[in-house]
mmCIF file of all heavy atoms, coordinates in Angstrom:
data_MODEL
# 
_entry.id   MODEL 
# 
loop_
_atom_site.group_PDB 
_atom_site.id 
_atom_site.type_symbol 
_atom_site.label_atom_id 
_atom_site.label_alt_id 
_atom_site.label_comp_id 
_atom_site.label_asym_id 
_atom_site.label_entity_id 
_atom_site.label_seq_id 
_atom_site.pdbx_PDB_ins_code 
_atom_site.Cartn_x 
_atom_site.Cartn_y 
_atom_site.Cartn_z 
_atom_site.occupancy 
_atom_site.B_iso_or_equiv 
_atom_site.pdbx_formal_charge 
_atom_site.auth_seq_id 
_atom_site.auth_comp_id 
_atom_site.auth_asym_id 
_atom_site.auth_atom_id 
_atom_site.pdbx_PDB_model_num 
ATOM 1   N N   . LYS A 1 1  ? 10.841 68.602 -261.932 1.00 0.00 ? 1  LYS A N   1 
ATOM 2   C CA  . LYS A 1 1  ? 11.454 67.305 -262.143 1.00 0.00 ? 1  LYS A CA  1 
ATOM 3   C C   . LYS A 1 1  ? 11.382 66.512 -260.823 1.00 0.00 ? 1  LYS A C   1 
ATOM 4   O O   . LYS A 1 1  ? 11.526 66.994 -259.745 1.00 0.00 ? 1  LYS A O   1 
ATOM 5   C CB  . LYS A 1 1  ? 12.922 67.490 -262.525 1.00 0.00 ? 1  LYS A CB  1 
ATOM 6   C CG  . LYS A 1 1  ? 13.164 68.128 -263.821 1.00 0.00 ? 1  LYS A CG  1 
ATOM 7   C CD  . LYS A 1 1  ? 14.615 68.192 -264.135 1.00 0.00 ? 1  LYS A CD  1 
ATOM 8   C CE  . LYS A 1 1  ? 14.875 68.801 -265.500 1.00 0.00 ? 1  LYS A CE  1 
ATOM 9   N NZ  . LYS A 1 1  ? 16.293 68.929 -265.791 1.00 0.00 ? 1  LYS A NZ  1 
ATOM 10  N N   . LYS A 1 2  ? 11.062 65.276 -261.065 1.00 0.00 ? 2  LYS A N   1 
ATOM 11  C CA  . LYS A 1 2  ? 11.044 64.371 -259.880 1.00 0.00 ? 2  LYS A CA  1 
ATOM 12  C C   . LYS A 1 2  ? 12.451 64.250 -259.309 1.00 0.00 ? 2  LYS A C   1 
ATOM 13  O O   . LYS A 1 2  ? 13.385 64.060 -259.964 1.00 0.00 ? 2  LYS A O   1 
ATOM 14  C CB  . LYS A 1 2  ? 10.466 63.010 -260.245 1.00 0.00 ? 2  LYS A CB  1 
ATOM 15  C CG  . LYS A 1 2  ? 9.014  63.065 -260.628 1.00 0.00 ? 2  LYS A CG  1 
ATOM 16  C CD  . LYS A 1 2  ? 8.488  61.681 -260.953 1.00 0.00 ? 2  LYS A CD  1 
ATOM 17  C CE  . LYS A 1 2  ? 7.003  61.666 -261.294 1.00 0.00 ? 2  LYS A CE  1 
ATOM 18  N NZ  . LYS A 1 2  ? 6.508  60.347 -261.599 1.00 0.00 ? 2  LYS A NZ  1 
ATOM 19  N N   . ARG A 1 3  ? 12.440 64.362 -257.960 1.00 0.00 ? 3  ARG A N   1 
ATOM 20  C CA  . ARG A 1 3  ? 13.764 64.137 -257.279 1.00 0.00 ? 3  ARG A CA  1 
ATOM 21  C C   . ARG A 1 3  ? 14.221 62.724 -257.624 1.00 0.00 ? 3  ARG A C   1 
ATOM 22  O O   . ARG A 1 3  ? 13.467 61.769 -257.427 1.00 0.00 ? 3  ARG A O   1 
ATOM 23  C CB  . ARG A 1 3  ? 13.621 64.383 -255.779 1.00 0.00 ? 3  ARG A CB  1 
ATOM 24  C CG  . ARG A 1 3  ? 14.939 64.200 -255.123 1.00 0.00 ? 3  ARG A CG  1 
ATOM 25  C CD  . ARG A 1 3  ? 14.819 64.246 -253.620 1.00 0.00 ? 3  ARG A CD  1 
ATOM 26  N NE  . ARG A 1 3  ? 14.103 65.452 -253.199 1.00 0.00 ? 3  ARG A NE  1 
ATOM 27  C CZ  . ARG A 1 3  ? 13.703 65.665 -251.922 1.00 0.00 ? 3  ARG A CZ  1 
ATOM 28  N NH1 . ARG A 1 3  ? 14.039 64.760 -251.017 1.00 0.00 ? 3  ARG A NH1 1 
ATOM 29  N NH2 . ARG A 1 3  ? 13.072 66.760 -251.621 1.00 0.00 ? 3  ARG A NH2 1 
ATOM 30  N N   . GLU A 1 4  ? 15.445 62.687 -258.027 1.00 0.00 ? 4  GLU A N   1 
ATOM 31  C CA  . GLU A 1 4  ? 15.997 61.410 -258.273 1.00 0.00 ? 4  GLU A CA  1 
ATOM 32  C C   . GLU A 1 4  ? 16.181 60.673 -256.974 1.00 0.00 ? 4  GLU A C   1 
ATOM 33  O O   . GLU A 1 4  ? 16.689 61.156 -256.009 1.00 0.00 ? 4  GLU A O   1 
ATOM 34  C CB  . GLU A 1 4  ? 17.367 61.523 -258.984 1.00 0.00 ? 4  GLU A CB  1 
ATOM 35  C CG  . GLU A 1 4  ? 17.214 62.147 -260.374 1.00 0.00 ? 4  GLU A CG  1 
ATOM 36  C CD  . GLU A 1 4  ? 18.570 62.200 -261.002 1.00 0.00 ? 4  GLU A CD  1 
ATOM 37  O OE1 . GLU A 1 4  ? 19.574 61.788 -260.300 1.00 0.00 ? 4  GLU A OE1 1 
ATOM 38  O OE2 . GLU A 1 4  ? 18.636 62.661 -262.168 1.00 0.00 ? 4  GLU A OE2 1 
ATOM 39  N N   . GLU A 1 5  ? 15.572 59.516 -256.943 1.00 0.00 ? 5  GLU A N   1 
ATOM 40  C CA  . GLU A 1 5  ? 15.630 58.635 -255.732 1.00 0.00 ? 5  GLU A CA  1 
ATOM 41  C C   . GLU A 1 5  ? 17.110 58.149 -255.541 1.00 0.00 ? 5  GLU A C   1 
ATOM 42  O O   . GLU A 1 5  ? 17.715 57.637 -256.476 1.00 0.00 ? 5  GLU A O   1 
ATOM 43  C CB  . GLU A 1 5  ? 14.672 57.429 -255.803 1.00 0.00 ? 5  GLU A CB  1 
ATOM 44  C CG  . GLU A 1 5  ? 13.270 57.905 -255.851 1.00 0.00 ? 5  GLU A CG  1 
ATOM 45  C CD  . GLU A 1 5  ? 12.373 56.681 -255.914 1.00 0.00 ? 5  GLU A CD  1 
ATOM 46  O OE1 . GLU A 1 5  ? 12.941 55.556 -255.932 1.00 0.00 ? 5  GLU A OE1 1 
ATOM 47  O OE2 . GLU A 1 5  ? 11.120 56.853 -255.901 1.00 0.00 ? 5  GLU A OE2 1 
ATOM 48  N N   . SER A 1 6  ? 17.598 58.358 -254.267 1.00 0.00 ? 6  SER A N   1 
ATOM 49  C CA  . SER A 1 6  ? 18.974 57.890 -253.996 1.00 0.00 ? 6  SER A CA  1 
ATOM 50  C C   . SER A 1 6  ? 19.056 56.381 -253.867 1.00 0.00 ? 6  SER A C   1 
ATOM 51  O O   . SER A 1 6  ? 18.061 55.747 -253.525 1.00 0.00 ? 6  SER A O   1 
ATOM 52  C CB  . SER A 1 6  ? 19.504 58.567 -252.717 1.00 0.00 ? 6  SER A CB  1 
ATOM 53  O OG  . SER A 1 6  ? 18.694 58.157 -251.638 1.00 0.00 ? 6  SER A OG  1 
ATOM 54  N N   . ALA A 1 7  ? 20.172 55.852 -254.169 1.00 0.00 ? 7  ALA A N   1 
ATOM 55  C CA  . ALA A 1 7  ? 20.350 54.402 -254.092 1.00 0.00 ? 7  ALA A CA  1 
ATOM 56  C C   . ALA A 1 7  ? 20.276 53.941 -252.646 1.00 0.00 ? 7  ALA A C   1 
ATOM 57  O O   . ALA A 1 7  ? 20.673 54.659 -251.712 1.00 0.00 ? 7  ALA A O   1 
ATOM 58  C CB  . ALA A 1 7  ? 21.719 54.056 -254.695 1.00 0.00 ? 7  ALA A CB  1 
ATOM 59  N N   . PRO A 1 8  ? 19.689 52.803 -252.368 1.00 0.00 ? 8  PRO A N   1 
ATOM 60  C CA  . PRO A 1 8  ? 19.580 52.282 -250.983 1.00 0.00 ? 8  PRO A CA  1 
ATOM 61  C C   . PRO A 1 8  ? 20.957 52.125 -250.325 1.00 0.00 ? 8  PRO A C   1 
ATOM 62  O O   . PRO A 1 8  ? 21.906 51.677 -250.992 1.00 0.00 ? 8  PRO A O   1 
ATOM 63  C CB  . PRO A 1 8  ? 18.859 50.960 -251.153 1.00 0.00 ? 8  PRO A CB  1 
ATOM 64  C CG  . PRO A 1 8  ? 19.090 50.551 -252.547 1.00 0.00 ? 8  PRO A CG  1 
ATOM 65  C CD  . PRO A 1 8  ? 19.225 51.832 -253.378 1.00 0.00 ? 8  PRO A CD  1 
ATOM 66  N N   . ASP A 1 9  ? 21.039 52.373 -248.987 1.00 0.00 ? 9  ASP A N   1 
ATOM 67  C CA  . ASP A 1 9  ? 22.296 52.223 -248.222 1.00 0.00 ? 9  ASP A CA  1 
ATOM 68  C C   . ASP A 1 9  ? 22.488 50.776 -247.824 1.00 0.00 ? 9  ASP A C   1 
ATOM 69  O O   . ASP A 1 9  ? 21.745 50.260 -247.006 1.00 0.00 ? 9  ASP A O   1 
ATOM 70  C CB  . ASP A 1 9  ? 22.262 53.120 -246.966 1.00 0.00 ? 9  ASP A CB  1 
ATOM 71  C CG  . ASP A 1 9  ? 23.630 53.130 -246.259 1.00 0.00 ? 9  ASP A CG  1 
ATOM 72  O OD1 . ASP A 1 9  ? 24.587 52.557 -246.755 1.00 0.00 ? 9  ASP A OD1 1 
ATOM 73  O OD2 . ASP A 1 9  ? 23.687 53.732 -245.117 1.00 0.00 ? 9  ASP A OD2 1 
ATOM 74  N N   . THR A 1 10 ? 23.458 50.156 -248.509 1.00 0.00 ? 10 THR A N   1 
ATOM 75  C CA  . THR A 1 10 ? 23.674 48.750 -248.239 1.00 0.00 ? 10 THR A CA  1 
ATOM 76  C C   . THR A 1 10 ? 24.865 48.479 -247.274 1.00 0.00 ? 10 THR A C   1 
ATOM 77  O O   . THR A 1 10 ? 25.226 47.337 -247.016 1.00 0.00 ? 10 THR A O   1 
ATOM 78  C CB  . THR A 1 10 ? 24.000 47.959 -249.574 1.00 0.00 ? 10 THR A CB  1 
ATOM 79  O OG1 . THR A 1 10 ? 25.140 48.643 -250.147 1.00 0.00 ? 10 THR A OG1 1 
ATOM 80  C CG2 . THR A 1 10 ? 22.819 48.096 -250.499 1.00 0.00 ? 10 THR A CG2 1 
ATOM 81  N N   . GLY A 1 11 ? 25.482 49.479 -246.678 1.00 0.00 ? 11 GLY A N   1 
ATOM 82  C CA  . GLY A 1 11 ? 26.691 49.300 -245.773 1.00 0.00 ? 11 GLY A CA  1 
ATOM 83  C C   . GLY A 1 11 ? 26.374 49.509 -244.318 1.00 0.00 ? 11 GLY A C   1 
ATOM 84  O O   . GLY A 1 11 ? 27.300 49.650 -243.499 1.00 0.00 ? 11 GLY A O   1 
ATOM 85  N N   . GLY A 1 12 ? 25.088 49.533 -243.940 1.00 0.00 ? 12 GLY A N   1 
ATOM 86  C CA  . GLY A 1 12 ? 24.739 49.759 -242.541 1.00 0.00 ? 12 GLY A CA  1 
ATOM 87  C C   . GLY A 1 12 ? 25.166 48.627 -241.613 1.00 0.00 ? 12 GLY A C   1 
ATOM 88  O O   . GLY A 1 12 ? 25.387 48.831 -240.437 1.00 0.00 ? 12 GLY A O   1 
ATOM 89  N N   . TRP A 1 13 ? 25.322 47.423 -242.108 1.00 0.00 ? 13 TRP A N   1 
ATOM 90  C CA  . TRP A 1 13 ? 25.660 46.278 -241.265 1.00 0.00 ? 13 TRP A CA  1 
ATOM 91  C C   . TRP A 1 13 ? 27.088 46.358 -240.731 1.00 0.00 ? 13 TRP A C   1 
ATOM 92  O O   . TRP A 1 13 ? 27.428 45.744 -239.742 1.00 0.00 ? 13 TRP A O   1 
ATOM 93  C CB  . TRP A 1 13 ? 25.524 44.940 -241.994 1.00 0.00 ? 13 TRP A CB  1 
ATOM 94  C CG  . TRP A 1 13 ? 26.412 44.880 -243.245 1.00 0.00 ? 13 TRP A CG  1 
ATOM 95  C CD1 . TRP A 1 13 ? 26.135 45.351 -244.493 1.00 0.00 ? 13 TRP A CD1 1 
ATOM 96  C CD2 . TRP A 1 13 ? 27.731 44.330 -243.240 1.00 0.00 ? 13 TRP A CD2 1 
ATOM 97  N NE1 . TRP A 1 13 ? 27.184 45.160 -245.295 1.00 0.00 ? 13 TRP A NE1 1 
ATOM 98  C CE2 . TRP A 1 13 ? 28.183 44.538 -244.575 1.00 0.00 ? 13 TRP A CE2 1 
ATOM 99  C CE3 . TRP A 1 13 ? 28.546 43.694 -242.290 1.00 0.00 ? 13 TRP A CE3 1 
ATOM 100 C CZ2 . TRP A 1 13 ? 29.449 44.055 -244.934 1.00 0.00 ? 13 TRP A CZ2 1 
ATOM 101 C CZ3 . TRP A 1 13 ? 29.775 43.304 -242.705 1.00 0.00 ? 13 TRP A CZ3 1 
ATOM 102 C CH2 . TRP A 1 13 ? 30.229 43.470 -244.029 1.00 0.00 ? 13 TRP A CH2 1 
ATOM 103 N N   . ILE A 1 14 ? 27.898 47.159 -241.451 1.00 0.00 ? 14 ILE A N   1 
ATOM 104 C CA  . ILE A 1 14 ? 29.312 47.284 -241.029 1.00 0.00 ? 14 ILE A CA  1 
ATOM 105 C C   . ILE A 1 14 ? 29.397 47.879 -239.608 1.00 0.00 ? 14 ILE A C   1 
ATOM 106 O O   . ILE A 1 14 ? 30.229 47.472 -238.770 1.00 0.00 ? 14 ILE A O   1 
ATOM 107 C CB  . ILE A 1 14 ? 30.065 48.096 -242.057 1.00 0.00 ? 14 ILE A CB  1 
ATOM 108 C CG1 . ILE A 1 14 ? 30.077 47.396 -243.402 1.00 0.00 ? 14 ILE A CG1 1 
ATOM 109 C CG2 . ILE A 1 14 ? 31.492 48.317 -241.564 1.00 0.00 ? 14 ILE A CG2 1 
ATOM 110 C CD1 . ILE A 1 14 ? 30.800 48.177 -244.461 1.00 0.00 ? 14 ILE A CD1 1 
ATOM 111 N N   . ASN A 1 15 ? 28.608 48.845 -239.331 1.00 0.00 ? 15 ASN A N   1 
ATOM 112 C CA  . ASN A 1 15 ? 28.618 49.486 -237.988 1.00 0.00 ? 15 ASN A CA  1 
ATOM 113 C C   . ASN A 1 15 ? 28.265 48.492 -236.912 1.00 0.00 ? 15 ASN A C   1 
ATOM 114 O O   . ASN A 1 15 ? 28.896 48.402 -235.846 1.00 0.00 ? 15 ASN A O   1 
ATOM 115 C CB  . ASN A 1 15 ? 27.672 50.664 -238.006 1.00 0.00 ? 15 ASN A CB  1 
ATOM 116 C CG  . ASN A 1 15 ? 28.101 51.760 -238.906 1.00 0.00 ? 15 ASN A CG  1 
ATOM 117 O OD1 . ASN A 1 15 ? 29.293 51.952 -239.145 1.00 0.00 ? 15 ASN A OD1 1 
ATOM 118 N ND2 . ASN A 1 15 ? 27.134 52.545 -239.468 1.00 0.00 ? 15 ASN A ND2 1 
ATOM 119 N N   . THR A 1 16 ? 27.201 47.677 -237.205 1.00 0.00 ? 16 THR A N   1 
ATOM 120 C CA  . THR A 1 16 ? 26.838 46.683 -236.225 1.00 0.00 ? 16 THR A CA  1 
ATOM 121 C C   . THR A 1 16 ? 27.942 45.639 -236.041 1.00 0.00 ? 16 THR A C   1 
ATOM 122 O O   . THR A 1 16 ? 28.234 45.264 -234.857 1.00 0.00 ? 16 THR A O   1 
ATOM 123 C CB  . THR A 1 16 ? 25.500 45.960 -236.677 1.00 0.00 ? 16 THR A CB  1 
ATOM 124 O OG1 . THR A 1 16 ? 24.528 46.934 -236.826 1.00 0.00 ? 16 THR A OG1 1 
ATOM 125 C CG2 . THR A 1 16 ? 25.102 44.972 -235.623 1.00 0.00 ? 16 THR A CG2 1 
ATOM 126 N N   . PHE A 1 17 ? 28.546 45.203 -237.107 1.00 0.00 ? 17 PHE A N   1 
ATOM 127 C CA  . PHE A 1 17 ? 29.592 44.221 -237.028 1.00 0.00 ? 17 PHE A CA  1 
ATOM 128 C C   . PHE A 1 17 ? 30.860 44.784 -236.274 1.00 0.00 ? 17 PHE A C   1 
ATOM 129 O O   . PHE A 1 17 ? 31.477 44.063 -235.418 1.00 0.00 ? 17 PHE A O   1 
ATOM 130 C CB  . PHE A 1 17 ? 30.034 43.789 -238.408 1.00 0.00 ? 17 PHE A CB  1 
ATOM 131 C CG  . PHE A 1 17 ? 31.069 42.721 -238.439 1.00 0.00 ? 17 PHE A CG  1 
ATOM 132 C CD1 . PHE A 1 17 ? 30.780 41.412 -238.159 1.00 0.00 ? 17 PHE A CD1 1 
ATOM 133 C CD2 . PHE A 1 17 ? 32.386 43.033 -238.721 1.00 0.00 ? 17 PHE A CD2 1 
ATOM 134 C CE1 . PHE A 1 17 ? 31.759 40.439 -238.150 1.00 0.00 ? 17 PHE A CE1 1 
ATOM 135 C CE2 . PHE A 1 17 ? 33.375 42.085 -238.749 1.00 0.00 ? 17 PHE A CE2 1 
ATOM 136 C CZ  . PHE A 1 17 ? 33.067 40.768 -238.430 1.00 0.00 ? 17 PHE A CZ  1 
ATOM 137 N N   . ALA A 1 18 ? 31.137 46.050 -236.532 1.00 0.00 ? 18 ALA A N   1 
ATOM 138 C CA  . ALA A 1 18 ? 32.265 46.676 -235.864 1.00 0.00 ? 18 ALA A CA  1 
ATOM 139 C C   . ALA A 1 18 ? 32.024 46.768 -234.381 1.00 0.00 ? 18 ALA A C   1 
ATOM 140 O O   . ALA A 1 18 ? 32.916 46.552 -233.530 1.00 0.00 ? 18 ALA A O   1 
ATOM 141 C CB  . ALA A 1 18 ? 32.517 48.085 -236.466 1.00 0.00 ? 18 ALA A CB  1 
ATOM 142 N N   . ASP A 1 19 ? 30.762 47.158 -233.935 1.00 0.00 ? 19 ASP A N   1 
ATOM 143 C CA  . ASP A 1 19 ? 30.396 47.160 -232.557 1.00 0.00 ? 19 ASP A CA  1 
ATOM 144 C C   . ASP A 1 19 ? 30.581 45.786 -231.948 1.00 0.00 ? 19 ASP A C   1 
ATOM 145 O O   . ASP A 1 19 ? 31.069 45.677 -230.784 1.00 0.00 ? 19 ASP A O   1 
ATOM 146 C CB  . ASP A 1 19 ? 28.991 47.684 -232.379 1.00 0.00 ? 19 ASP A CB  1 
ATOM 147 C CG  . ASP A 1 19 ? 28.796 49.132 -232.768 1.00 0.00 ? 19 ASP A CG  1 
ATOM 148 O OD1 . ASP A 1 19 ? 29.886 49.851 -232.806 1.00 0.00 ? 19 ASP A OD1 1 
ATOM 149 O OD2 . ASP A 1 19 ? 27.691 49.581 -233.045 1.00 0.00 ? 19 ASP A OD2 1 
ATOM 150 N N   . LEU A 1 20 ? 30.136 44.772 -232.636 1.00 0.00 ? 20 LEU A N   1 
ATOM 151 C CA  . LEU A 1 20 ? 30.224 43.382 -232.116 1.00 0.00 ? 20 LEU A CA  1 
ATOM 152 C C   . LEU A 1 20 ? 31.699 43.022 -231.899 1.00 0.00 ? 20 LEU A C   1 
ATOM 153 O O   . LEU A 1 20 ? 32.113 42.394 -230.901 1.00 0.00 ? 20 LEU A O   1 
ATOM 154 C CB  . LEU A 1 20 ? 29.561 42.404 -233.078 1.00 0.00 ? 20 LEU A CB  1 
ATOM 155 C CG  . LEU A 1 20 ? 29.664 40.899 -232.674 1.00 0.00 ? 20 LEU A CG  1 
ATOM 156 C CD1 . LEU A 1 20 ? 28.939 40.704 -231.367 1.00 0.00 ? 20 LEU A CD1 1 
ATOM 157 C CD2 . LEU A 1 20 ? 28.979 40.070 -233.738 1.00 0.00 ? 20 LEU A CD2 1 
ATOM 158 N N   . MET A 1 21 ? 32.558 43.366 -232.868 1.00 0.00 ? 21 MET A N   1 
ATOM 159 C CA  . MET A 1 21 ? 33.982 43.048 -232.757 1.00 0.00 ? 21 MET A CA  1 
ATOM 160 C C   . MET A 1 21 ? 34.624 43.746 -231.548 1.00 0.00 ? 21 MET A C   1 
ATOM 161 O O   . MET A 1 21 ? 35.438 43.203 -230.825 1.00 0.00 ? 21 MET A O   1 
ATOM 162 C CB  . MET A 1 21 ? 34.748 43.406 -234.033 1.00 0.00 ? 21 MET A CB  1 
ATOM 163 C CG  . MET A 1 21 ? 34.378 42.529 -235.279 1.00 0.00 ? 21 MET A CG  1 
ATOM 164 S SD  . MET A 1 21 ? 34.781 40.809 -235.019 1.00 0.00 ? 21 MET A SD  1 
ATOM 165 C CE  . MET A 1 21 ? 33.112 40.168 -234.656 1.00 0.00 ? 21 MET A CE  1 
ATOM 166 N N   . ASN A 1 22 ? 34.185 45.031 -231.381 1.00 0.00 ? 22 ASN A N   1 
ATOM 167 C CA  . ASN A 1 22 ? 34.735 45.819 -230.238 1.00 0.00 ? 22 ASN A CA  1 
ATOM 168 C C   . ASN A 1 22 ? 34.301 45.150 -228.892 1.00 0.00 ? 22 ASN A C   1 
ATOM 169 O O   . ASN A 1 22 ? 35.124 45.026 -227.975 1.00 0.00 ? 22 ASN A O   1 
ATOM 170 C CB  . ASN A 1 22 ? 34.229 47.236 -230.248 1.00 0.00 ? 22 ASN A CB  1 
ATOM 171 C CG  . ASN A 1 22 ? 34.920 48.067 -231.382 1.00 0.00 ? 22 ASN A CG  1 
ATOM 172 O OD1 . ASN A 1 22 ? 36.046 47.733 -231.747 1.00 0.00 ? 22 ASN A OD1 1 
ATOM 173 N ND2 . ASN A 1 22 ? 34.251 49.080 -231.872 1.00 0.00 ? 22 ASN A ND2 1 
ATOM 174 N N   . LEU A 1 23 ? 33.054 44.685 -228.859 1.00 0.00 ? 23 LEU A N   1 
ATOM 175 C CA  . LEU A 1 23 ? 32.563 43.999 -227.622 1.00 0.00 ? 23 LEU A CA  1 
ATOM 176 C C   . LEU A 1 23 ? 33.349 42.742 -227.378 1.00 0.00 ? 23 LEU A C   1 
ATOM 177 O O   . LEU A 1 23 ? 33.744 42.435 -226.271 1.00 0.00 ? 23 LEU A O   1 
ATOM 178 C CB  . LEU A 1 23 ? 31.101 43.745 -227.750 1.00 0.00 ? 23 LEU A CB  1 
ATOM 179 C CG  . LEU A 1 23 ? 30.198 44.947 -227.698 1.00 0.00 ? 23 LEU A CG  1 
ATOM 180 C CD1 . LEU A 1 23 ? 28.711 44.524 -227.944 1.00 0.00 ? 23 LEU A CD1 1 
ATOM 181 C CD2 . LEU A 1 23 ? 30.308 45.632 -226.341 1.00 0.00 ? 23 LEU A CD2 1 
ATOM 182 N N   . LEU A 1 24 ? 33.540 41.929 -228.501 1.00 0.00 ? 24 LEU A N   1 
ATOM 183 C CA  . LEU A 1 24 ? 34.294 40.663 -228.346 1.00 0.00 ? 24 LEU A CA  1 
ATOM 184 C C   . LEU A 1 24 ? 35.756 40.986 -227.902 1.00 0.00 ? 24 LEU A C   1 
ATOM 185 O O   . LEU A 1 24 ? 36.355 40.245 -227.069 1.00 0.00 ? 24 LEU A O   1 
ATOM 186 C CB  . LEU A 1 24 ? 34.308 39.889 -229.661 1.00 0.00 ? 24 LEU A CB  1 
ATOM 187 C CG  . LEU A 1 24 ? 32.987 39.281 -230.054 1.00 0.00 ? 24 LEU A CG  1 
ATOM 188 C CD1 . LEU A 1 24 ? 33.067 38.643 -231.417 1.00 0.00 ? 24 LEU A CD1 1 
ATOM 189 C CD2 . LEU A 1 24 ? 32.575 38.205 -228.982 1.00 0.00 ? 24 LEU A CD2 1 
ATOM 190 N N   . LEU A 1 25 ? 36.358 42.013 -228.462 1.00 0.00 ? 25 LEU A N   1 
ATOM 191 C CA  . LEU A 1 25 ? 37.733 42.388 -228.132 1.00 0.00 ? 25 LEU A CA  1 
ATOM 192 C C   . LEU A 1 25 ? 37.841 42.746 -226.623 1.00 0.00 ? 25 LEU A C   1 
ATOM 193 O O   . LEU A 1 25 ? 38.732 42.304 -225.902 1.00 0.00 ? 25 LEU A O   1 
ATOM 194 C CB  . LEU A 1 25 ? 38.224 43.521 -229.005 1.00 0.00 ? 25 LEU A CB  1 
ATOM 195 C CG  . LEU A 1 25 ? 39.621 44.056 -228.648 1.00 0.00 ? 25 LEU A CG  1 
ATOM 196 C CD1 . LEU A 1 25 ? 40.648 42.940 -228.817 1.00 0.00 ? 25 LEU A CD1 1 
ATOM 197 C CD2 . LEU A 1 25 ? 39.946 45.274 -229.536 1.00 0.00 ? 25 LEU A CD2 1 
ATOM 198 N N   . CYS A 1 26 ? 36.847 43.581 -226.188 1.00 0.00 ? 26 CYS A N   1 
ATOM 199 C CA  . CYS A 1 26 ? 36.786 43.924 -224.744 1.00 0.00 ? 26 CYS A CA  1 
ATOM 200 C C   . CYS A 1 26 ? 36.621 42.742 -223.901 1.00 0.00 ? 26 CYS A C   1 
ATOM 201 O O   . CYS A 1 26 ? 37.239 42.576 -222.824 1.00 0.00 ? 26 CYS A O   1 
ATOM 202 C CB  . CYS A 1 26 ? 35.696 44.980 -224.503 1.00 0.00 ? 26 CYS A CB  1 
ATOM 203 S SG  . CYS A 1 26 ? 36.014 46.543 -225.268 1.00 0.00 ? 26 CYS A SG  1 
ATOM 204 N N   . PHE A 1 27 ? 35.793 41.777 -224.359 1.00 0.00 ? 27 PHE A N   1 
ATOM 205 C CA  . PHE A 1 27 ? 35.542 40.579 -223.586 1.00 0.00 ? 27 PHE A CA  1 
ATOM 206 C C   . PHE A 1 27 ? 36.775 39.683 -223.423 1.00 0.00 ? 27 PHE A C   1 
ATOM 207 O O   . PHE A 1 27 ? 37.111 39.287 -222.317 1.00 0.00 ? 27 PHE A O   1 
ATOM 208 C CB  . PHE A 1 27 ? 34.397 39.768 -224.227 1.00 0.00 ? 27 PHE A CB  1 
ATOM 209 C CG  . PHE A 1 27 ? 34.089 38.489 -223.548 1.00 0.00 ? 27 PHE A CG  1 
ATOM 210 C CD1 . PHE A 1 27 ? 33.440 38.467 -222.330 1.00 0.00 ? 27 PHE A CD1 1 
ATOM 211 C CD2 . PHE A 1 27 ? 34.500 37.302 -224.150 1.00 0.00 ? 27 PHE A CD2 1 
ATOM 212 C CE1 . PHE A 1 27 ? 33.192 37.247 -221.761 1.00 0.00 ? 27 PHE A CE1 1 
ATOM 213 C CE2 . PHE A 1 27 ? 34.228 36.081 -223.514 1.00 0.00 ? 27 PHE A CE2 1 
ATOM 214 C CZ  . PHE A 1 27 ? 33.538 36.038 -222.316 1.00 0.00 ? 27 PHE A CZ  1 
ATOM 215 N N   . PHE A 1 28 ? 37.512 39.543 -224.477 1.00 0.00 ? 28 PHE A N   1 
ATOM 216 C CA  . PHE A 1 28 ? 38.724 38.733 -224.428 1.00 0.00 ? 28 PHE A CA  1 
ATOM 217 C C   . PHE A 1 28 ? 39.842 39.430 -223.655 1.00 0.00 ? 28 PHE A C   1 
ATOM 218 O O   . PHE A 1 28 ? 40.661 38.796 -223.000 1.00 0.00 ? 28 PHE A O   1 
ATOM 219 C CB  . PHE A 1 28 ? 39.171 38.351 -225.829 1.00 0.00 ? 28 PHE A CB  1 
ATOM 220 C CG  . PHE A 1 28 ? 38.404 37.268 -226.469 1.00 0.00 ? 28 PHE A CG  1 
ATOM 221 C CD1 . PHE A 1 28 ? 37.565 37.483 -227.554 1.00 0.00 ? 28 PHE A CD1 1 
ATOM 222 C CD2 . PHE A 1 28 ? 38.452 35.944 -225.890 1.00 0.00 ? 28 PHE A CD2 1 
ATOM 223 C CE1 . PHE A 1 28 ? 36.798 36.456 -228.114 1.00 0.00 ? 28 PHE A CE1 1 
ATOM 224 C CE2 . PHE A 1 28 ? 37.625 34.912 -226.480 1.00 0.00 ? 28 PHE A CE2 1 
ATOM 225 C CZ  . PHE A 1 28 ? 36.829 35.170 -227.587 1.00 0.00 ? 28 PHE A CZ  1 
ATOM 226 N N   . VAL A 1 29 ? 39.906 40.832 -223.826 1.00 0.00 ? 29 VAL A N   1 
ATOM 227 C CA  . VAL A 1 29 ? 40.893 41.511 -223.020 1.00 0.00 ? 29 VAL A CA  1 
ATOM 228 C C   . VAL A 1 29 ? 40.613 41.389 -221.515 1.00 0.00 ? 29 VAL A C   1 
ATOM 229 O O   . VAL A 1 29 ? 41.474 41.184 -220.685 1.00 0.00 ? 29 VAL A O   1 
ATOM 230 C CB  . VAL A 1 29 ? 40.900 42.992 -223.448 1.00 0.00 ? 29 VAL A CB  1 
ATOM 231 C CG1 . VAL A 1 29 ? 41.712 43.822 -222.448 1.00 0.00 ? 29 VAL A CG1 1 
ATOM 232 C CG2 . VAL A 1 29 ? 41.468 43.179 -224.828 1.00 0.00 ? 29 VAL A CG2 1 
# 
């Protein structure tokens, strides 16, 4: 049986956004 292809990961941008928020928080602090 063909391996069922997994659904594409659509939440990867959250990590980048979280990093950006952390950087902005550090900057304002």
